[in-house]
Amino acid sequence: MELTAFADVVEAQRIPTLVRLSDNLYAVVFRLMKLVPARHILRQAESSGLLTADTTVVETTSGTFGLALAMQCALSGHRLVLVSDPVIDARLHRQLTHLGATVDIVRHPAEHGGFQASRLARVEEIRAGLPASFCPEQYSNPEQPMSYALVADLLWERLGQVDCLIGPVGSGGSMCGTARHLRQACPDLTAVGVDAHLSVLFGQPDGHRVLRGLGNSMMPANLDHTEFDEVHWLDTATAFAATRDLYRSRALFMGPTSGASYFVGSWWAARHPDAVTVVMLPDEGHRYVDTVYDDVWLAANGLGDPVAQREPTVVTDPRPAGAGWSRMGWARRTLAEATGSGDPLPAGAL
């Protein structure tokens, strides 16, 4: 866990900082969480011979996993091709290209699975035309959740007992990997996932989501539903407001996935004052200066005045969870057990 005095930038920045927010609430603060799996997956691929000096790395991403890969590939000298879609943030796009990555934009969503399905198809098309390629496959590579043993070890070393872990869910790796490894020392750990409405991850129908960085239009293989005791769904306006409150009240300049995690974590910790609660804050807020942190943009998009909810709406079926802030006791069940069918509702059924 200790760093040498001469660690490279990825090694130095992948280790999170543990911050105390209240008597029983702690935050795992990352500059860029995805550096954890990016470093680990590429190092494992090099060790196994899957990634050589002449191999091109190809991956699908519209977020920070691409940035993490670009940073690591810039240091290692590997060519990197990232497949994304039109919602990619303009600032992130510039960062990626300045780091030497090729960004391939898919313009049309697939009939089933949306842009994520069309991006995956484009990845396979690009790889078919290359003499040697490696795809990290963040959604299905078992090394992705395994990489978060680093975070679990840090929590155990610094805090000892951890009673509740709360974090956003996108690819499934960070929460599933951290919770699974931490339960070796804390078997009674409660794991709480935070999702966006109109994300298929916990059974809702797929739909348009403004809140990025959590949620998904496809079910990733790395999401193990049986790791979760509880799931919360947040609306965009609430997550954005919580992100700004996190900065104003705690001086933590983070992105909206962190705000969503903080919102749910603050509620949970207040209702369990004797429990050591930890929230995962995945990345900093620089990409959101012109959106989440811009009053004019929020007002123009109808996101400046969230509906005040002191308590979540408790649901027993995730599929018609609706809008606002909802909560469901998941009880470490499979998706099929939790929904009765395992399938999300058809699009437009809400």
Protein backbone atom coordinates (compact mmCIF):
# COMPACT_ATOMS: atom_id res chain seq x y z
CA MET A 1 0.00 0.00 0.00
CA GLU A 2 2.88 2.40 0.64
CA LEU A 3 4.21 4.35 -2.32
CA THR A 4 7.79 4.90 -3.20
CA ALA A 5 9.08 8.45 -3.43
CA PHE A 6 9.36 8.04 -7.20
CA ALA A 7 5.98 6.51 -8.15
CA ASP A 8 4.69 7.41 -11.60
CA VAL A 9 1.53 9.52 -11.90
CA VAL A 10 -0.86 6.57 -12.26
CA GLU A 11 0.59 4.75 -9.27
CA ALA A 12 0.48 7.92 -7.18
CA GLN A 13 -3.07 8.90 -8.10
CA ARG A 14 -4.79 5.51 -7.98
CA ILE A 15 -4.48 5.35 -4.18
CA PRO A 16 -7.55 7.09 -2.69
CA THR A 17 -7.64 9.39 0.31
CA LEU A 18 -9.79 8.50 3.33
CA VAL A 19 -11.65 11.54 4.67
CA ARG A 20 -13.81 11.75 7.78
CA LEU A 21 -17.09 13.57 7.09
CA SER A 22 -18.85 13.10 10.44
CA ASP A 23 -18.62 11.01 13.59
CA ASN A 24 -19.46 7.79 11.75
CA LEU A 25 -19.25 8.71 8.05
CA TYR A 26 -16.07 8.39 5.99
CA ALA A 27 -15.39 9.01 2.32
CA VAL A 28 -13.00 7.15 0.02
CA VAL A 29 -11.97 10.06 -2.21
CA PHE A 30 -10.47 9.29 -5.61
CA ARG A 31 -8.94 11.70 -8.06
CA LEU A 32 -9.83 9.08 -10.67
CA MET A 33 -11.18 5.75 -9.42
CA LYS A 34 -10.82 3.99 -12.77
CA LEU A 35 -7.04 4.15 -12.46
CA VAL A 36 -7.37 1.22 -10.06
CA PRO A 37 -8.72 -1.31 -12.62
CA ALA A 38 -6.93 0.24 -15.62
CA ARG A 39 -3.50 -0.18 -14.03
CA HIS A 40 -4.30 -3.65 -12.73
CA ILE A 41 -5.83 -5.01 -15.96
CA LEU A 42 -3.06 -3.74 -18.22
CA ARG A 43 -0.35 -5.00 -15.87
CA GLN A 44 -2.01 -8.44 -15.72
CA ALA A 45 -2.26 -8.49 -19.52
CA GLU A 46 1.44 -7.67 -19.84
CA SER A 47 2.38 -10.40 -17.36
CA SER A 48 0.32 -13.02 -19.22
CA GLY A 49 1.64 -12.03 -22.66
CA LEU A 50 -1.71 -10.71 -23.93
CA LEU A 51 -0.29 -7.17 -24.15
CA THR A 52 3.05 -6.72 -25.90
CA ALA A 53 4.80 -3.63 -27.22
CA ASP A 54 3.06 -4.02 -30.61
CA THR A 55 -0.43 -4.61 -29.24
CA THR A 56 -3.15 -1.96 -29.63
CA VAL A 57 -5.49 -1.49 -26.67
CA VAL A 58 -9.14 -1.12 -27.78
CA GLU A 59 -12.01 -0.41 -25.39
CA THR A 60 -15.52 1.05 -25.25
CA THR A 61 -16.06 3.95 -22.86
CA SER A 62 -17.76 7.32 -22.57
CA GLY A 63 -16.27 8.12 -19.19
CA THR A 64 -13.30 7.98 -16.92
CA PHE A 65 -12.18 4.41 -17.64
CA GLY A 66 -11.05 5.73 -20.99
CA LEU A 67 -9.09 8.51 -19.32
CA ALA A 68 -7.45 6.02 -16.97
CA LEU A 69 -6.46 3.81 -19.91
CA ALA A 70 -5.14 6.81 -21.83
CA MET A 71 -2.94 7.84 -18.90
CA GLN A 72 -1.54 4.34 -18.50
CA CYS A 73 -0.98 3.87 -22.25
CA ALA A 74 0.73 7.25 -22.48
CA LEU A 75 3.24 6.01 -19.91
CA SER A 76 3.67 2.55 -21.43
CA GLY A 77 3.73 3.67 -25.08
CA HIS A 78 0.84 1.47 -26.23
CA ARG A 79 -1.49 2.66 -28.98
CA LEU A 80 -5.03 3.17 -27.66
CA VAL A 81 -8.34 3.27 -29.55
CA LEU A 82 -11.43 4.23 -27.54
CA VAL A 83 -14.94 3.76 -28.90
CA SER A 84 -17.50 6.22 -27.57
CA ASP A 85 -20.75 7.94 -28.57
CA PRO A 86 -22.02 11.51 -29.01
CA VAL A 87 -22.64 12.09 -25.28
CA ILE A 88 -18.92 12.02 -24.49
CA ASP A 89 -17.92 15.16 -22.63
CA ALA A 90 -16.05 17.63 -24.85
CA ARG A 91 -13.40 18.27 -22.19
CA LEU A 92 -12.82 14.55 -21.75
CA HIS A 93 -12.57 14.11 -25.51
CA ARG A 94 -9.81 16.71 -25.63
CA GLN A 95 -7.98 15.11 -22.72
CA LEU A 96 -8.04 11.73 -24.42
CA THR A 97 -6.71 13.01 -27.72
CA HIS A 98 -4.01 15.09 -26.02
CA LEU A 99 -2.88 11.89 -24.31
CA GLY A 100 -2.51 10.28 -27.74
CA ALA A 101 -5.66 8.15 -27.81
CA THR A 102 -7.75 7.72 -30.96
CA VAL A 103 -11.43 8.36 -30.15
CA ASP A 104 -13.88 6.61 -32.49
CA ILE A 105 -17.44 7.97 -32.18
CA VAL A 106 -20.41 5.69 -32.88
CA ARG A 107 -23.27 7.83 -34.21
CA HIS A 108 -26.29 5.50 -34.04
CA PRO A 109 -27.61 3.39 -31.13
CA ALA A 110 -28.40 -0.27 -31.57
CA GLU A 111 -32.06 -1.32 -31.52
CA HIS A 112 -31.40 -3.33 -28.37
CA GLY A 113 -28.83 -2.08 -25.86
CA GLY A 114 -28.59 1.46 -27.21
CA PHE A 115 -25.23 3.10 -27.78
CA GLN A 116 -23.43 0.65 -25.53
CA ALA A 117 -24.38 -2.27 -27.78
CA SER A 118 -23.33 -0.39 -30.91
CA ARG A 119 -20.05 0.59 -29.26
CA LEU A 120 -19.28 -3.03 -28.40
CA ALA A 121 -19.96 -4.04 -31.98
CA ARG A 122 -17.61 -1.31 -33.19
CA VAL A 123 -14.88 -2.54 -30.84
CA GLU A 124 -15.05 -5.99 -32.44
CA GLU A 125 -14.96 -4.45 -35.92
CA ILE A 126 -11.85 -2.43 -35.09
CA ARG A 127 -10.11 -5.40 -33.48
CA ALA A 128 -10.81 -7.55 -36.53
CA GLY A 129 -8.75 -5.13 -38.61
CA LEU A 130 -5.71 -5.06 -36.31
CA PRO A 131 -2.82 -7.55 -36.31
CA ALA A 132 -2.68 -7.56 -32.50
CA SER A 133 -5.14 -6.06 -30.03
CA PHE A 134 -6.19 -6.32 -26.41
CA CYS A 135 -9.55 -5.26 -24.98
CA PRO A 136 -9.67 -4.66 -21.20
CA GLU A 137 -13.42 -5.46 -21.25
CA GLN A 138 -14.22 -3.48 -18.13
CA TYR A 139 -17.79 -4.81 -18.01
CA SER A 140 -16.87 -8.51 -18.03
CA ASN A 141 -13.19 -8.90 -17.13
CA PRO A 142 -13.02 -10.54 -13.67
CA GLU A 143 -9.77 -8.67 -13.03
CA GLN A 144 -11.81 -5.45 -12.84
CA PRO A 145 -13.58 -6.19 -9.52
CA MET A 146 -10.51 -8.03 -8.25
CA SER A 147 -8.47 -4.83 -8.57
CA TYR A 148 -10.53 -3.19 -5.82
CA ALA A 149 -8.97 -5.43 -3.19
CA LEU A 150 -6.61 -2.45 -2.88
CA VAL A 151 -9.50 -0.29 -1.63
CA ALA A 152 -10.80 -2.94 0.76
CA ASP A 153 -7.33 -3.40 2.23
CA LEU A 154 -6.97 0.35 2.75
CA LEU A 155 -10.31 0.52 4.60
CA TRP A 156 -9.44 -2.42 6.85
CA GLU A 157 -5.99 -1.02 7.63
CA ARG A 158 -7.25 2.49 8.41
CA LEU A 159 -10.66 1.85 10.00
CA GLY A 160 -10.72 -1.75 11.10
CA GLN A 161 -14.42 -2.52 11.30
CA VAL A 162 -16.58 -1.20 8.45
CA ASP A 163 -20.34 -1.68 8.88
CA CYS A 164 -21.70 -0.18 5.66
CA LEU A 165 -20.22 0.52 2.21
CA ILE A 166 -22.16 2.80 -0.15
CA GLY A 167 -21.30 3.65 -3.74
CA PRO A 168 -22.54 4.21 -7.28
CA VAL A 169 -22.92 1.26 -9.63
CA GLY A 170 -22.02 1.39 -13.33
CA SER A 171 -19.88 -1.52 -14.48
CA GLY A 172 -20.37 -3.25 -11.12
CA GLY A 173 -16.66 -3.65 -10.44
CA SER A 174 -15.92 -1.11 -7.73
CA MET A 175 -18.78 -1.93 -5.35
CA CYS A 176 -18.83 -5.69 -5.94
CA GLY A 177 -15.06 -6.03 -5.75
CA THR A 178 -14.62 -3.85 -2.68
CA ALA A 179 -17.55 -5.38 -0.79
CA ARG A 180 -16.58 -8.96 -1.65
CA HIS A 181 -13.00 -8.49 -0.48
CA LEU A 182 -13.91 -6.44 2.59
CA ARG A 183 -16.36 -9.09 3.77
CA GLN A 184 -13.42 -11.41 4.35
CA ALA A 185 -12.65 -9.21 7.36
CA CYS A 186 -16.13 -7.74 7.95
CA PRO A 187 -18.62 -10.53 7.15
CA ASP A 188 -21.63 -8.52 8.35
CA LEU A 189 -20.87 -5.59 6.02
CA THR A 190 -23.95 -3.93 4.50
CA ALA A 191 -23.45 -2.99 0.83
CA VAL A 192 -25.69 -0.26 -0.60
CA GLY A 193 -25.73 0.39 -4.34
CA VAL A 194 -26.72 3.74 -5.83
CA ASP A 195 -28.25 3.70 -9.32
CA ALA A 196 -29.95 6.14 -11.70
CA HIS A 197 -33.53 5.81 -12.87
CA LEU A 198 -33.97 4.25 -16.32
CA SER A 199 -30.90 2.07 -15.80
CA VAL A 200 -31.27 -1.68 -16.31
CA LEU A 201 -28.78 -2.62 -13.59
CA PHE A 202 -31.35 -3.38 -10.89
CA GLY A 203 -34.37 -4.07 -13.03
CA GLN A 204 -35.69 -0.78 -14.36
CA PRO A 205 -36.33 -0.27 -18.09
CA ASP A 206 -33.62 1.35 -20.17
CA GLY A 207 -34.12 5.00 -21.01
CA HIS A 208 -32.45 8.38 -21.46
CA ARG A 209 -30.29 9.37 -18.47
CA VAL A 210 -28.79 12.80 -17.90
CA LEU A 211 -26.99 11.55 -14.79
CA ARG A 212 -23.85 9.90 -16.16
CA GLY A 213 -21.18 7.73 -14.57
CA LEU A 214 -23.62 5.37 -12.90
CA GLY A 215 -26.35 3.22 -14.39
CA ASN A 216 -26.14 1.22 -17.59
CA SER A 217 -28.13 0.26 -20.69
CA MET A 218 -26.72 -3.28 -20.69
CA MET A 219 -26.23 -5.77 -17.89
CA PRO A 220 -22.47 -6.08 -17.18
CA ALA A 221 -21.12 -9.49 -16.27
CA ASN A 222 -19.17 -7.96 -13.38
CA LEU A 223 -22.35 -6.91 -11.57
CA ASP A 224 -23.09 -9.50 -8.88
CA HIS A 225 -26.51 -8.59 -7.49
CA THR A 226 -26.04 -10.93 -4.54
CA GLU A 227 -23.43 -8.59 -3.06
CA PHE A 228 -26.05 -5.89 -2.34
CA ASP A 229 -28.21 -5.53 0.75
CA GLU A 230 -29.95 -2.35 -0.38
CA VAL A 231 -30.37 -0.30 -3.57
CA HIS A 232 -31.26 3.39 -3.99
CA TRP A 233 -32.30 5.15 -7.20
CA LEU A 234 -31.72 8.90 -7.46
CA ASP A 235 -33.08 11.49 -9.84
CA THR A 236 -30.65 13.78 -11.64
CA ALA A 237 -31.58 17.04 -9.89
CA THR A 238 -31.10 15.52 -6.44
CA ALA A 239 -27.71 14.05 -7.36
CA PHE A 240 -26.54 17.35 -8.83
CA ALA A 241 -27.69 19.32 -5.78
CA ALA A 242 -25.92 16.83 -3.48
CA THR A 243 -22.73 17.22 -5.53
CA ARG A 244 -22.78 20.98 -5.00
CA ASP A 245 -23.57 20.54 -1.30
CA LEU A 246 -20.61 18.17 -0.96
CA TYR A 247 -18.36 20.95 -2.26
CA ARG A 248 -19.98 23.75 -0.29
CA SER A 249 -20.16 21.93 3.05
CA ARG A 250 -17.16 19.56 2.84
CA ALA A 251 -14.88 21.36 0.31
CA LEU A 252 -14.77 18.16 -1.78
CA PHE A 253 -14.90 19.10 -5.47
CA MET A 254 -16.34 15.95 -6.99
CA GLY A 255 -18.50 14.70 -9.86
CA PRO A 256 -22.21 13.76 -9.67
CA THR A 257 -21.64 10.04 -9.03
CA SER A 258 -19.85 11.15 -5.86
CA GLY A 259 -22.73 13.48 -5.03
CA ALA A 260 -25.22 10.63 -5.38
CA SER A 261 -23.11 8.40 -3.15
CA TYR A 262 -22.71 11.16 -0.56
CA PHE A 263 -26.47 11.87 -0.53
CA VAL A 264 -27.41 8.29 0.24
CA GLY A 265 -24.47 7.81 2.61
CA SER A 266 -25.37 10.86 4.70
CA TRP A 267 -28.92 9.59 5.07
CA TRP A 268 -27.79 6.06 5.98
CA ALA A 269 -25.15 7.19 8.49
CA ALA A 270 -27.60 9.52 10.26
CA ARG A 271 -30.03 6.64 10.75
CA HIS A 272 -27.34 4.25 11.96
CA PRO A 273 -25.25 6.43 14.31
CA ASP A 274 -23.39 3.45 15.77
CA ALA A 275 -22.36 2.08 12.37
CA VAL A 276 -19.08 2.94 10.64
CA THR A 277 -20.29 4.03 7.19
CA VAL A 278 -18.07 4.54 4.14
CA VAL A 279 -19.06 6.22 0.86
CA MET A 280 -17.18 5.87 -2.41
CA LEU A 281 -16.46 9.15 -4.24
CA PRO A 282 -15.17 8.11 -7.69
CA ASP A 283 -13.82 11.23 -9.40
CA GLU A 284 -13.23 14.97 -9.23
CA GLY A 285 -15.55 17.64 -10.59
CA HIS A 286 -13.46 19.30 -13.31
CA ARG A 287 -15.51 17.77 -16.14
CA TYR A 288 -18.69 19.24 -14.68
CA VAL A 289 -17.76 22.90 -14.28
CA ASP A 290 -20.02 23.90 -17.19
CA THR A 291 -22.92 21.69 -16.12
CA VAL A 292 -23.37 20.58 -12.50
CA TYR A 293 -21.55 23.63 -11.14
CA ASP A 294 -23.19 26.15 -13.53
CA ASP A 295 -26.39 27.77 -12.23
CA VAL A 296 -27.42 28.96 -15.70
CA TRP A 297 -27.04 25.49 -17.23
CA LEU A 298 -28.97 23.86 -14.38
CA ALA A 299 -31.84 26.33 -14.71
CA ALA A 300 -31.95 26.00 -18.50
CA ASN A 301 -32.24 22.23 -18.16
CA GLY A 302 -34.81 22.27 -15.37
CA LEU A 303 -32.39 20.85 -12.83
CA GLY A 304 -31.84 23.79 -10.52
CA ASP A 305 -34.63 23.09 -8.03
CA PRO A 306 -34.87 19.44 -6.97
CA VAL A 307 -37.92 18.18 -5.10
CA ALA A 308 -37.02 18.02 -1.42
CA GLN A 309 -37.29 14.45 -0.09
CA ARG A 310 -36.29 13.83 3.49
CA GLU A 311 -36.93 10.10 3.13
CA PRO A 312 -36.82 7.79 0.12
CA THR A 313 -39.90 6.14 -1.29
CA VAL A 314 -39.71 2.49 -0.25
CA VAL A 315 -40.46 0.06 -3.08
CA THR A 316 -40.67 -3.72 -3.20
CA ASP A 317 -40.34 -4.03 -7.00
CA PRO A 318 -37.61 -2.03 -8.76
CA ARG A 319 -39.29 -1.94 -12.14
CA PRO A 320 -41.95 0.75 -11.46
CA ALA A 321 -39.73 2.71 -9.05
CA GLY A 322 -40.55 5.93 -10.91
CA ALA A 323 -38.80 9.24 -10.31
CA GLY A 324 -37.38 10.99 -7.27
CA TRP A 325 -35.49 9.05 -4.61
CA SER A 326 -36.45 5.41 -4.15
CA ARG A 327 -35.09 2.65 -1.94
CA MET A 328 -35.43 -1.12 -1.95
CA GLY A 329 -34.20 -3.81 0.40
CA TRP A 330 -32.28 -6.09 -1.96
CA ALA A 331 -31.19 -8.67 0.64
CA ARG A 332 -28.36 -10.13 -1.50
CA ARG A 333 -30.78 -11.63 -3.99
CA THR A 334 -30.31 -12.30 -7.68
CA LEU A 335 -32.10 -10.02 -10.13
CA ALA A 336 -34.60 -12.78 -10.85
CA GLU A 337 -35.33 -13.23 -7.16
CA ALA A 338 -35.74 -9.49 -6.56
CA THR A 339 -38.03 -8.84 -9.53
CA GLY A 340 -39.76 -12.18 -9.80
CA SER A 341 -38.65 -12.50 -13.43
CA GLY A 342 -35.15 -11.11 -13.83
CA ASP A 343 -36.28 -8.89 -16.70
CA PRO A 344 -36.69 -5.10 -16.71
CA LEU A 345 -39.99 -3.65 -17.83
CA PRO A 346 -40.25 -2.75 -21.52
CA ALA A 347 -39.15 0.78 -22.43
CA GLY A 348 -41.91 3.29 -21.74
CA ALA A 349 -43.68 1.07 -19.21
CA LEU A 350 -43.19 3.45 -16.30
